[in-house]
Amino acid sequence: MSLVYNIFYMKIKKLYQAVWLLSIWILLFSCVSSSSTREPAVVETTGDAEYLENIDFVIFNKRGMVIRREVYEYSGGAHGMGAVQYLVIDLADKRLLKLDDFFREGTEERLYSILVSALRSYNNSHSGTVLEDNQGLSQGIFFTDNPALTENFFIANDGLGLNWDRYEIAPFYAGSIEVILPWRTIRPLLKHEMMELLEKFGIYMFMD
């Protein structure tokens, strides 16, 4: 019975992997086809309403890729709403990566401290208010002193990026918020296997 179950499980696993790969390649084909022009991948206009969608590859190689999906929608009123979504995909192991895949357990407080420092620096360079180290983020452009950590992230040569859409942690006028946590800063918090994982995306600089 165990042998039959194992054979059945392996066939289902192979079928799942095949479907997963097919869906990825369909996505790649549609994105590459649309990226040959500067126009958005999807454009829909009905009366005053408008919907735009564009997909770009931040990193694209054989073992890993990072996709940036940007959407803008206007359905009336003072302004439209935009959103940016990142997907970090490990093609070698056929999985969509999450923040938990990068950081060791018990490092949450240290990570959040680094994040707050990055958001303070963002505020100081993107607003007319300069925050000192002893001032809370809410005294700048942010809604609260303790913005929630986003799961919308990407990876790049210089670090791990985090993105919040308008209204998530700051008013509309502040735009989407995007910060990068340098690899050299967060390296002590990363899992031991991160060097190997990042190599799939062609990232080696943080080892210097």
N, C-alpha and C. Protein backbone atom coordinates (compact mmCIF):
# COMPACT_ATOMS: atom_id res chain seq x y z
N MET A 1 0.83 -1.21 0.00
CA MET A 1 0.00 0.00 0.00
C MET A 1 0.86 1.25 0.00
N SER A 2 1.94 1.18 0.78
CA SER A 2 2.85 2.32 0.87
C SER A 2 3.52 2.58 -0.47
N LEU A 3 3.91 1.50 -1.17
CA LEU A 3 4.56 1.64 -2.48
C LEU A 3 3.62 2.28 -3.49
N VAL A 4 2.36 1.82 -3.49
CA VAL A 4 1.35 2.37 -4.41
C VAL A 4 1.15 3.85 -4.11
N TYR A 5 1.08 4.18 -2.82
CA TYR A 5 0.89 5.58 -2.43
C TYR A 5 2.06 6.45 -2.88
N ASN A 6 3.28 5.94 -2.71
CA ASN A 6 4.46 6.71 -3.10
C ASN A 6 4.50 6.95 -4.61
N ILE A 7 4.14 5.92 -5.39
CA ILE A 7 4.11 6.07 -6.85
C ILE A 7 3.06 7.12 -7.24
N PHE A 8 1.89 7.01 -6.60
CA PHE A 8 0.81 7.97 -6.89
C PHE A 8 1.24 9.39 -6.51
N TYR A 9 1.88 9.53 -5.36
CA TYR A 9 2.34 10.84 -4.90
C TYR A 9 3.35 11.44 -5.87
N MET A 10 4.28 10.64 -6.35
CA MET A 10 5.31 11.15 -7.27
C MET A 10 4.69 11.59 -8.60
N LYS A 11 3.68 10.85 -9.07
CA LYS A 11 3.02 11.23 -10.32
C LYS A 11 2.27 12.55 -10.15
N ILE A 12 1.59 12.70 -9.02
CA ILE A 12 0.86 13.94 -8.74
C ILE A 12 1.85 15.09 -8.62
N LYS A 13 2.97 14.85 -7.98
CA LYS A 13 3.98 15.90 -7.81
C LYS A 13 4.53 16.34 -9.15
N LYS A 14 4.83 15.38 -10.03
CA LYS A 14 5.34 15.72 -11.37
C LYS A 14 4.29 16.48 -12.17
N LEU A 15 3.03 16.06 -12.04
CA LEU A 15 1.95 16.76 -12.74
C LEU A 15 1.84 18.20 -12.25
N TYR A 16 1.92 18.38 -10.93
CA TYR A 16 1.84 19.72 -10.35
C TYR A 16 3.00 20.59 -10.86
N GLN A 17 4.20 20.03 -10.89
CA GLN A 17 5.35 20.79 -11.35
C GLN A 17 5.20 21.16 -12.82
N ALA A 18 4.65 20.25 -13.62
CA ALA A 18 4.45 20.54 -15.04
C ALA A 18 3.45 21.67 -15.23
N VAL A 19 2.35 21.62 -14.48
CA VAL A 19 1.34 22.68 -14.55
C VAL A 19 1.92 24.00 -14.09
N TRP A 20 2.71 23.95 -13.03
CA TRP A 20 3.34 25.16 -12.49
C TRP A 20 4.26 25.79 -13.53
N LEU A 21 5.09 24.96 -14.16
CA LEU A 21 6.01 25.47 -15.17
C LEU A 21 5.26 26.03 -16.37
N LEU A 22 4.18 25.35 -16.77
CA LEU A 22 3.39 25.82 -17.90
C LEU A 22 2.79 27.19 -17.60
N SER A 23 2.27 27.37 -16.38
CA SER A 23 1.67 28.66 -16.01
C SER A 23 2.72 29.76 -16.01
N ILE A 24 3.93 29.43 -15.54
CA ILE A 24 5.01 30.42 -15.54
C ILE A 24 5.39 30.81 -16.96
N TRP A 25 5.51 29.83 -17.84
CA TRP A 25 5.90 30.14 -19.21
C TRP A 25 4.82 30.89 -19.96
N ILE A 26 3.56 30.63 -19.66
CA ILE A 26 2.47 31.41 -20.25
C ILE A 26 2.58 32.86 -19.80
N LEU A 27 2.86 33.05 -18.52
CA LEU A 27 3.04 34.39 -17.99
C LEU A 27 4.23 35.08 -18.66
N LEU A 28 5.35 34.35 -18.79
CA LEU A 28 6.54 34.91 -19.41
C LEU A 28 6.26 35.31 -20.85
N PHE A 29 5.57 34.46 -21.58
CA PHE A 29 5.28 34.74 -22.99
C PHE A 29 4.44 36.00 -23.13
N SER A 30 3.41 36.12 -22.29
CA SER A 30 2.55 37.29 -22.37
C SER A 30 3.29 38.55 -21.98
N CYS A 31 4.18 38.44 -20.97
CA CYS A 31 4.93 39.61 -20.51
C CYS A 31 5.96 40.03 -21.54
N VAL A 32 6.70 39.06 -22.08
CA VAL A 32 7.73 39.38 -23.06
C VAL A 32 7.10 39.97 -24.31
N SER A 33 5.96 39.44 -24.73
CA SER A 33 5.28 39.96 -25.91
C SER A 33 4.89 41.41 -25.71
N SER A 34 4.40 41.73 -24.51
CA SER A 34 3.95 43.09 -24.24
C SER A 34 5.10 44.03 -23.96
N SER A 35 6.26 43.50 -23.50
CA SER A 35 7.37 44.35 -23.14
C SER A 35 8.15 44.84 -24.35
N SER A 36 7.78 44.38 -25.55
CA SER A 36 8.46 44.84 -26.74
C SER A 36 8.09 46.27 -27.09
N THR A 37 7.11 46.82 -26.41
CA THR A 37 6.68 48.20 -26.60
C THR A 37 6.66 48.90 -25.27
N ARG A 38 6.66 50.21 -25.30
CA ARG A 38 6.61 50.99 -24.07
C ARG A 38 5.18 51.15 -23.57
N GLU A 39 4.20 50.70 -24.36
CA GLU A 39 2.81 50.81 -23.94
C GLU A 39 2.51 49.79 -22.84
N PRO A 40 1.54 50.08 -21.94
CA PRO A 40 1.16 49.12 -20.90
C PRO A 40 0.69 47.81 -21.52
N ALA A 41 0.86 46.72 -20.77
CA ALA A 41 0.46 45.41 -21.26
C ALA A 41 -1.05 45.33 -21.45
N VAL A 42 -1.82 46.00 -20.58
CA VAL A 42 -3.28 45.99 -20.66
C VAL A 42 -3.78 47.42 -20.56
N VAL A 43 -4.64 47.80 -21.50
CA VAL A 43 -5.24 49.14 -21.47
C VAL A 43 -6.73 48.98 -21.72
N GLU A 44 -7.55 49.47 -20.79
CA GLU A 44 -9.00 49.43 -20.97
C GLU A 44 -9.56 50.80 -20.63
N THR A 45 -10.40 51.34 -21.50
CA THR A 45 -11.01 52.64 -21.28
C THR A 45 -12.49 52.54 -21.58
N THR A 46 -13.31 52.97 -20.63
CA THR A 46 -14.76 52.98 -20.79
C THR A 46 -15.29 54.29 -20.23
N GLY A 47 -15.69 55.20 -21.13
CA GLY A 47 -16.15 56.51 -20.66
C GLY A 47 -15.02 57.22 -19.95
N ASP A 48 -15.27 57.64 -18.71
CA ASP A 48 -14.24 58.30 -17.90
C ASP A 48 -13.36 57.30 -17.16
N ALA A 49 -13.77 56.05 -17.16
CA ALA A 49 -13.00 55.03 -16.43
C ALA A 49 -11.79 54.59 -17.25
N GLU A 50 -10.73 54.23 -16.53
CA GLU A 50 -9.49 53.81 -17.20
C GLU A 50 -8.79 52.76 -16.36
N TYR A 51 -8.23 51.76 -17.02
CA TYR A 51 -7.48 50.71 -16.34
C TYR A 51 -6.20 50.45 -17.12
N LEU A 52 -5.05 50.55 -16.45
CA LEU A 52 -3.76 50.30 -17.07
C LEU A 52 -3.01 49.24 -16.26
N GLU A 53 -2.33 48.36 -16.95
CA GLU A 53 -1.54 47.33 -16.28
C GLU A 53 -0.25 47.10 -17.05
N ASN A 54 0.86 47.02 -16.34
CA ASN A 54 2.14 46.79 -16.99
C ASN A 54 2.96 45.81 -16.15
N ILE A 55 3.72 44.95 -16.81
CA ILE A 55 4.55 43.97 -16.12
C ILE A 55 5.98 44.08 -16.63
N ASP A 56 6.92 44.17 -15.69
CA ASP A 56 8.34 44.27 -16.03
C ASP A 56 9.13 43.21 -15.27
N PHE A 57 10.26 42.84 -15.84
CA PHE A 57 11.17 41.92 -15.17
C PHE A 57 12.29 42.73 -14.51
N VAL A 58 12.35 42.67 -13.18
CA VAL A 58 13.44 43.31 -12.46
C VAL A 58 14.69 42.44 -12.57
N ILE A 59 14.50 41.13 -12.40
CA ILE A 59 15.55 40.13 -12.61
C ILE A 59 14.95 39.00 -13.41
N PHE A 60 15.69 38.53 -14.40
CA PHE A 60 15.16 37.45 -15.24
C PHE A 60 16.33 36.56 -15.68
N ASN A 61 16.48 35.40 -15.06
CA ASN A 61 17.48 34.43 -15.51
C ASN A 61 16.92 33.02 -15.35
N LYS A 62 17.74 32.02 -15.59
CA LYS A 62 17.26 30.65 -15.66
C LYS A 62 16.76 30.11 -14.32
N ARG A 63 17.35 30.56 -13.20
CA ARG A 63 17.02 29.94 -11.91
C ARG A 63 16.18 30.81 -10.99
N GLY A 64 16.02 32.08 -11.32
CA GLY A 64 15.22 32.95 -10.48
C GLY A 64 14.84 34.22 -11.20
N MET A 65 13.67 34.76 -10.85
CA MET A 65 13.26 36.02 -11.46
C MET A 65 12.41 36.83 -10.49
N VAL A 66 12.43 38.13 -10.73
CA VAL A 66 11.62 39.08 -9.94
C VAL A 66 10.74 39.84 -10.92
N ILE A 67 9.45 39.78 -10.70
CA ILE A 67 8.48 40.43 -11.58
C ILE A 67 7.86 41.62 -10.85
N ARG A 68 7.73 42.73 -11.56
CA ARG A 68 7.07 43.93 -11.02
C ARG A 68 5.80 44.17 -11.83
N ARG A 69 4.66 44.14 -11.15
CA ARG A 69 3.37 44.36 -11.79
C ARG A 69 2.78 45.67 -11.28
N GLU A 70 2.50 46.58 -12.21
CA GLU A 70 1.96 47.89 -11.83
C GLU A 70 0.58 48.07 -12.43
N VAL A 71 -0.36 48.48 -11.60
CA VAL A 71 -1.75 48.65 -12.03
C VAL A 71 -2.22 50.06 -11.67
N TYR A 72 -2.95 50.67 -12.59
CA TYR A 72 -3.57 51.98 -12.32
C TYR A 72 -5.03 51.90 -12.74
N GLU A 73 -5.90 52.39 -11.87
CA GLU A 73 -7.34 52.35 -12.16
C GLU A 73 -7.99 53.67 -11.79
N TYR A 74 -8.77 54.20 -12.71
CA TYR A 74 -9.54 55.43 -12.44
C TYR A 74 -11.00 55.17 -12.77
N SER A 75 -11.86 55.41 -11.80
CA SER A 75 -13.29 55.18 -12.01
C SER A 75 -14.12 56.40 -11.64
N GLY A 76 -13.46 57.56 -11.61
CA GLY A 76 -14.14 58.79 -11.25
C GLY A 76 -13.59 59.38 -9.96
N GLY A 77 -13.92 60.64 -9.71
CA GLY A 77 -13.44 61.27 -8.49
C GLY A 77 -12.21 62.13 -8.75
N ALA A 78 -11.54 62.51 -7.67
CA ALA A 78 -10.41 63.43 -7.77
C ALA A 78 -9.19 62.81 -8.43
N HIS A 79 -8.98 61.53 -8.22
CA HIS A 79 -7.79 60.89 -8.77
C HIS A 79 -7.98 59.38 -8.85
N GLY A 80 -7.14 58.74 -9.64
CA GLY A 80 -7.16 57.29 -9.73
C GLY A 80 -6.31 56.66 -8.64
N MET A 81 -6.25 55.36 -8.65
CA MET A 81 -5.45 54.62 -7.66
C MET A 81 -4.50 53.67 -8.38
N GLY A 82 -3.27 53.68 -7.93
CA GLY A 82 -2.28 52.78 -8.49
C GLY A 82 -1.79 51.79 -7.45
N ALA A 83 -1.24 50.70 -7.91
CA ALA A 83 -0.69 49.69 -7.01
C ALA A 83 0.47 48.99 -7.70
N VAL A 84 1.47 48.62 -6.91
CA VAL A 84 2.62 47.89 -7.42
C VAL A 84 2.75 46.58 -6.64
N GLN A 85 2.92 45.49 -7.36
CA GLN A 85 3.08 44.18 -6.73
C GLN A 85 4.35 43.52 -7.26
N TYR A 86 5.14 42.98 -6.35
CA TYR A 86 6.35 42.26 -6.74
C TYR A 86 6.16 40.77 -6.50
N LEU A 87 6.72 39.97 -7.38
CA LEU A 87 6.75 38.52 -7.23
C LEU A 87 8.20 38.06 -7.32
N VAL A 88 8.67 37.36 -6.30
CA VAL A 88 10.03 36.83 -6.29
C VAL A 88 9.92 35.31 -6.43
N ILE A 89 10.37 34.80 -7.56
CA ILE A 89 10.12 33.40 -7.91
C ILE A 89 11.42 32.62 -8.01
N ASP A 90 11.50 31.56 -7.24
CA ASP A 90 12.62 30.62 -7.32
C ASP A 90 12.26 29.58 -8.38
N LEU A 91 12.78 29.75 -9.59
CA LEU A 91 12.45 28.84 -10.68
C LEU A 91 13.06 27.46 -10.49
N ALA A 92 14.22 27.40 -9.84
CA ALA A 92 14.90 26.12 -9.65
C ALA A 92 14.07 25.19 -8.77
N ASP A 93 13.49 25.73 -7.69
CA ASP A 93 12.69 24.92 -6.77
C ASP A 93 11.19 25.10 -6.97
N LYS A 94 10.81 25.89 -7.98
CA LYS A 94 9.40 26.07 -8.34
C LYS A 94 8.58 26.57 -7.16
N ARG A 95 8.94 27.73 -6.65
CA ARG A 95 8.18 28.28 -5.52
C ARG A 95 8.22 29.80 -5.53
N LEU A 96 7.15 30.37 -4.99
CA LEU A 96 7.05 31.81 -4.81
C LEU A 96 7.59 32.13 -3.41
N LEU A 97 8.62 32.96 -3.35
CA LEU A 97 9.29 33.22 -2.09
C LEU A 97 8.53 34.24 -1.24
N LYS A 98 8.65 34.08 0.08
CA LYS A 98 8.08 34.99 1.07
C LYS A 98 9.21 35.54 1.93
N LEU A 99 8.91 36.60 2.69
CA LEU A 99 9.92 37.18 3.57
C LEU A 99 10.45 36.15 4.56
N ASP A 100 9.58 35.28 5.03
CA ASP A 100 9.99 34.26 6.01
C ASP A 100 11.06 33.33 5.46
N ASP A 101 11.15 33.24 4.13
CA ASP A 101 12.16 32.38 3.53
C ASP A 101 13.56 32.98 3.67
N PHE A 102 13.66 34.26 4.00
CA PHE A 102 14.95 34.94 4.05
C PHE A 102 15.51 35.09 5.47
N PHE A 103 14.64 35.28 6.44
CA PHE A 103 15.12 35.67 7.77
C PHE A 103 14.97 34.55 8.79
N ARG A 104 15.96 34.48 9.68
CA ARG A 104 15.96 33.47 10.75
C ARG A 104 14.91 33.81 11.80
N GLU A 105 14.41 32.81 12.46
CA GLU A 105 13.46 33.03 13.56
C GLU A 105 14.14 33.80 14.68
N GLY A 106 13.40 34.67 15.32
CA GLY A 106 13.94 35.44 16.44
C GLY A 106 14.62 36.74 16.02
N THR A 107 14.59 37.06 14.73
CA THR A 107 15.24 38.29 14.25
C THR A 107 14.23 39.40 13.95
N GLU A 108 12.97 39.17 14.31
CA GLU A 108 11.92 40.11 13.94
C GLU A 108 12.16 41.52 14.48
N GLU A 109 12.54 41.62 15.75
CA GLU A 109 12.73 42.94 16.36
C GLU A 109 13.90 43.68 15.72
N ARG A 110 14.97 42.99 15.46
CA ARG A 110 16.14 43.62 14.82
C ARG A 110 15.80 44.06 13.40
N LEU A 111 15.06 43.23 12.69
CA LEU A 111 14.64 43.58 11.34
C LEU A 111 13.76 44.83 11.36
N TYR A 112 12.83 44.88 12.31
CA TYR A 112 11.91 46.02 12.36
C TYR A 112 12.66 47.30 12.72
N SER A 113 13.66 47.20 13.57
CA SER A 113 14.47 48.36 13.92
C SER A 113 15.19 48.91 12.68
N ILE A 114 15.71 48.01 11.85
CA ILE A 114 16.37 48.42 10.61
C ILE A 114 15.35 49.07 9.67
N LEU A 115 14.14 48.50 9.63
CA LEU A 115 13.09 49.05 8.78
C LEU A 115 12.71 50.46 9.21
N VAL A 116 12.53 50.68 10.51
CA VAL A 116 12.17 52.01 11.01
C VAL A 116 13.23 53.04 10.63
N SER A 117 14.49 52.64 10.74
CA SER A 117 15.59 53.54 10.37
C SER A 117 15.53 53.88 8.88
N ALA A 118 15.21 52.88 8.05
CA ALA A 118 15.11 53.11 6.61
C ALA A 118 13.93 54.03 6.29
N LEU A 119 12.81 53.85 6.98
CA LEU A 119 11.65 54.71 6.75
C LEU A 119 11.92 56.14 7.22
N ARG A 120 12.68 56.28 8.30
CA ARG A 120 13.05 57.62 8.76
C ARG A 120 13.91 58.32 7.71
N SER A 121 14.85 57.59 7.14
CA SER A 121 15.70 58.16 6.09
C SER A 121 14.87 58.52 4.86
N TYR A 122 13.89 57.67 4.54
CA TYR A 122 13.01 57.96 3.41
C TYR A 122 12.25 59.25 3.66
N ASN A 123 11.70 59.40 4.85
CA ASN A 123 10.97 60.61 5.20
C ASN A 123 11.86 61.85 5.04
N ASN A 124 13.09 61.76 5.52
CA ASN A 124 13.98 62.91 5.51
C ASN A 124 14.39 63.33 4.10
N SER A 125 14.36 62.39 3.17
CA SER A 125 14.76 62.72 1.81
C SER A 125 13.58 62.95 0.86
N HIS A 126 12.36 62.67 1.33
CA HIS A 126 11.20 62.82 0.46
C HIS A 126 10.13 63.77 1.01
N SER A 127 10.39 64.42 2.11
CA SER A 127 9.41 65.36 2.66
C SER A 127 10.14 66.59 3.18
N GLY A 128 9.37 67.57 3.58
CA GLY A 128 9.96 68.80 4.10
C GLY A 128 10.26 68.72 5.58
N THR A 129 9.99 67.58 6.19
CA THR A 129 10.21 67.42 7.63
C THR A 129 11.36 66.46 7.87
N VAL A 130 12.34 66.89 8.63
CA VAL A 130 13.49 66.04 8.97
C VAL A 130 13.29 65.47 10.37
N LEU A 131 13.26 64.16 10.46
CA LEU A 131 13.06 63.49 11.75
C LEU A 131 14.40 63.17 12.40
N GLU A 132 14.50 63.49 13.67
CA GLU A 132 15.67 63.09 14.45
C GLU A 132 15.48 61.66 14.92
N ASP A 133 16.55 61.06 15.43
CA ASP A 133 16.49 59.66 15.85
C ASP A 133 15.50 59.43 16.99
N ASN A 134 15.24 60.46 17.79
CA ASN A 134 14.34 60.30 18.93
C ASN A 134 12.90 60.67 18.60
N GLN A 135 12.60 60.97 17.34
CA GLN A 135 11.25 61.33 16.95
C GLN A 135 10.56 60.15 16.28
N GLY A 136 9.25 60.01 16.57
CA GLY A 136 8.48 58.94 15.96
C GLY A 136 8.18 59.22 14.50
N LEU A 137 7.92 58.16 13.75
CA LEU A 137 7.65 58.31 12.32
C LEU A 137 6.38 59.10 12.05
N SER A 138 5.44 59.09 12.99
CA SER A 138 4.18 59.81 12.79
C SER A 138 4.38 61.32 12.80
N GLN A 139 5.52 61.78 13.22
CA GLN A 139 5.81 63.22 13.17
C GLN A 139 6.31 63.62 11.78
N GLY A 140 6.44 62.65 10.92
CA GLY A 140 6.78 62.91 9.53
C GLY A 140 5.58 62.62 8.65
N ILE A 141 5.78 61.88 7.55
CA ILE A 141 4.71 61.63 6.59
C ILE A 141 3.90 60.38 6.90
N PHE A 142 4.29 59.62 7.90
CA PHE A 142 3.64 58.32 8.15
C PHE A 142 2.47 58.43 9.11
N PHE A 143 1.52 57.51 8.97
CA PHE A 143 0.33 57.53 9.80
C PHE A 143 0.64 57.24 11.27
N THR A 144 1.53 56.28 11.51
CA THR A 144 1.83 55.85 12.87
C THR A 144 3.34 55.75 13.08
N ASP A 145 3.73 55.58 14.34
CA ASP A 145 5.15 55.37 14.64
C ASP A 145 5.61 53.96 14.30
N ASN A 146 4.64 53.06 14.14
CA ASN A 146 4.97 51.65 13.91
C ASN A 146 4.24 51.09 12.69
N PRO A 147 4.62 51.50 11.49
CA PRO A 147 3.97 50.96 10.28
C PRO A 147 4.16 49.45 10.18
N ALA A 148 3.16 48.79 9.63
CA ALA A 148 3.23 47.34 9.48
C ALA A 148 4.27 46.95 8.43
N LEU A 149 4.97 45.87 8.70
CA LEU A 149 5.92 45.33 7.73
C LEU A 149 5.15 44.75 6.55
N THR A 150 5.51 45.15 5.36
CA THR A 150 4.81 44.67 4.17
C THR A 150 5.38 43.34 3.69
N GLU A 151 4.54 42.55 3.04
CA GLU A 151 4.98 41.31 2.40
C GLU A 151 5.27 41.54 0.92
N ASN A 152 5.08 42.78 0.48
CA ASN A 152 5.34 43.13 -0.92
C ASN A 152 6.81 43.53 -1.05
N PHE A 153 7.66 42.58 -1.43
CA PHE A 153 9.09 42.82 -1.42
C PHE A 153 9.72 42.36 -2.73
N PHE A 154 10.96 42.81 -2.94
CA PHE A 154 11.74 42.37 -4.09
C PHE A 154 13.20 42.29 -3.67
N ILE A 155 14.02 41.67 -4.49
CA ILE A 155 15.45 41.62 -4.20
C ILE A 155 16.21 42.25 -5.36
N ALA A 156 17.34 42.87 -5.03
CA ALA A 156 18.16 43.55 -6.02
C ALA A 156 19.62 43.42 -5.60
N ASN A 157 20.53 43.88 -6.45
CA ASN A 157 21.95 43.76 -6.14
C ASN A 157 22.33 44.47 -4.85
N ASP A 158 21.67 45.59 -4.56
CA ASP A 158 22.05 46.38 -3.39
C ASP A 158 21.28 46.03 -2.13
N GLY A 159 20.25 45.20 -2.21
CA GLY A 159 19.55 44.84 -0.99
C GLY A 159 18.15 44.29 -1.23
N LEU A 160 17.41 44.16 -0.14
CA LEU A 160 16.04 43.68 -0.17
C LEU A 160 15.11 44.89 -0.12
N GLY A 161 14.25 45.01 -1.13
CA GLY A 161 13.35 46.15 -1.22
C GLY A 161 11.97 45.85 -0.67
N LEU A 162 11.34 46.87 -0.10
CA LEU A 162 9.99 46.76 0.44
C LEU A 162 9.13 47.88 -0.15
N ASN A 163 7.91 47.55 -0.51
CA ASN A 163 7.03 48.53 -1.15
C ASN A 163 5.66 48.56 -0.48
N TRP A 164 5.18 49.77 -0.22
CA TRP A 164 3.83 49.99 0.29
C TRP A 164 3.09 50.88 -0.69
N ASP A 165 1.85 50.52 -1.01
CA ASP A 165 1.05 51.35 -1.90
C ASP A 165 0.54 52.60 -1.17
N ARG A 166 0.01 53.54 -1.93
CA ARG A 166 -0.58 54.74 -1.35
C ARG A 166 -1.62 54.36 -0.31
N TYR A 167 -1.66 55.12 0.73
CA TYR A 167 -2.61 54.97 1.84
C TYR A 167 -2.28 53.82 2.79
N GLU A 168 -1.34 52.95 2.45
CA GLU A 168 -1.04 51.83 3.35
C GLU A 168 -0.40 52.32 4.65
N ILE A 169 0.63 53.16 4.53
CA ILE A 169 1.32 53.65 5.73
C ILE A 169 1.49 55.17 5.71
N ALA A 170 1.04 55.82 4.63
CA ALA A 170 1.20 57.27 4.51
C ALA A 170 0.07 57.82 3.63
N PRO A 171 -0.18 59.13 3.69
CA PRO A 171 -1.26 59.73 2.89
C PRO A 171 -1.02 59.60 1.39
N PHE A 172 -2.06 59.87 0.62
CA PHE A 172 -2.00 59.74 -0.83
C PHE A 172 -0.88 60.58 -1.42
N TYR A 173 -0.73 61.82 -0.93
CA TYR A 173 0.25 62.73 -1.52
C TYR A 173 1.68 62.21 -1.40
N ALA A 174 1.93 61.31 -0.45
CA ALA A 174 3.28 60.77 -0.25
C ALA A 174 3.63 59.74 -1.32
N GLY A 175 2.62 59.28 -2.06
CA GLY A 175 2.87 58.28 -3.10
C GLY A 175 3.13 56.91 -2.51
N SER A 176 3.53 55.99 -3.36
CA SER A 176 3.93 54.67 -2.85
C SER A 176 5.29 54.81 -2.18
N ILE A 177 5.48 54.05 -1.12
CA ILE A 177 6.72 54.12 -0.34
C ILE A 177 7.57 52.90 -0.68
N GLU A 178 8.83 53.15 -1.04
CA GLU A 178 9.72 52.04 -1.36
C GLU A 178 11.09 52.28 -0.75
N VAL A 179 11.56 51.32 0.03
CA VAL A 179 12.88 51.42 0.65
C VAL A 179 13.66 50.14 0.36
N ILE A 180 14.98 50.25 0.44
CA ILE A 180 15.85 49.08 0.26
C ILE A 180 16.69 48.90 1.51
N LEU A 181 16.67 47.70 2.05
CA LEU A 181 17.49 47.35 3.20
C LEU A 181 18.77 46.70 2.67
N PRO A 182 19.92 47.36 2.79
CA PRO A 182 21.16 46.84 2.20
C PRO A 182 21.51 45.45 2.73
N TRP A 183 22.05 44.62 1.87
CA TRP A 183 22.46 43.27 2.27
C TRP A 183 23.46 43.33 3.43
N ARG A 184 24.37 44.29 3.39
CA ARG A 184 25.39 44.36 4.43
C ARG A 184 24.77 44.65 5.80
N THR A 185 23.60 45.30 5.80
CA THR A 185 22.92 45.64 7.06
C THR A 185 22.12 44.47 7.60
N ILE A 186 21.44 43.75 6.72
CA ILE A 186 20.55 42.67 7.17
C ILE A 186 21.21 41.29 7.11
N ARG A 187 22.44 41.23 6.64
CA ARG A 187 23.10 39.94 6.49
C ARG A 187 23.11 39.11 7.79
N PRO A 188 23.35 39.71 8.97
CA PRO A 188 23.35 38.90 10.20
C PRO A 188 21.99 38.27 10.52
N LEU A 189 20.93 38.76 9.89
CA LEU A 189 19.59 38.26 10.17
C LEU A 189 19.15 37.16 9.19
N LEU A 190 19.91 36.99 8.12
CA LEU A 190 19.50 36.06 7.07
C LEU A 190 19.78 34.60 7.44
N LYS A 191 19.01 33.72 6.86
CA LYS A 191 19.24 32.30 7.03
C LYS A 191 20.56 31.91 6.38
N HIS A 192 21.13 30.82 6.85
CA HIS A 192 22.44 30.40 6.36
C HIS A 192 22.43 30.06 4.88
N GLU A 193 21.30 29.58 4.39
CA GLU A 193 21.25 29.17 2.99
C GLU A 193 20.97 30.33 2.03
N MET A 194 20.93 31.56 2.54
CA MET A 194 20.58 32.70 1.70
C MET A 194 21.60 32.98 0.61
N MET A 195 22.89 32.76 0.87
CA MET A 195 23.89 33.02 -0.16
C MET A 195 23.62 32.16 -1.39
N GLU A 196 23.29 30.89 -1.15
CA GLU A 196 23.00 29.98 -2.26
C GLU A 196 21.71 30.39 -2.97
N LEU A 197 20.71 30.80 -2.19
CA LEU A 197 19.44 31.20 -2.79
C LEU A 197 19.61 32.45 -3.65
N LEU A 198 20.33 33.44 -3.15
CA LEU A 198 20.50 34.68 -3.89
C LEU A 198 21.32 34.50 -5.16
N GLU A 199 22.19 33.49 -5.16
CA GLU A 199 22.98 33.21 -6.37
C GLU A 199 22.07 32.83 -7.54
N LYS A 200 20.90 32.26 -7.23
CA LYS A 200 19.96 31.91 -8.29
C LYS A 200 19.48 33.14 -9.03
N PHE A 201 19.54 34.30 -8.35
CA PHE A 201 19.09 35.55 -8.95
C PHE A 201 20.26 36.39 -9.44
N GLY A 202 21.47 35.81 -9.41
CA GLY A 202 22.64 36.53 -9.88
C GLY A 202 23.11 37.61 -8.90
N ILE A 203 22.83 37.42 -7.62
CA ILE A 203 23.19 38.41 -6.61
C ILE A 203 24.36 37.87 -5.77
N TYR A 204 25.49 38.55 -5.82
CA TYR A 204 26.68 38.13 -5.09
C TYR A 204 27.29 39.28 -4.28
N MET A 205 26.89 40.50 -4.58
CA MET A 205 27.56 41.68 -4.05
C MET A 205 27.54 41.76 -2.54
N PHE A 206 26.46 41.24 -1.92
CA PHE A 206 26.35 41.38 -0.47
C PHE A 206 27.40 40.55 0.28
N MET A 207 28.09 39.67 -0.47
CA MET A 207 29.11 38.82 0.16
C MET A 207 30.42 39.58 0.33
N ASP A 208 30.56 40.73 -0.37
CA ASP A 208 31.82 41.47 -0.32
C ASP A 208 32.07 42.05 1.06
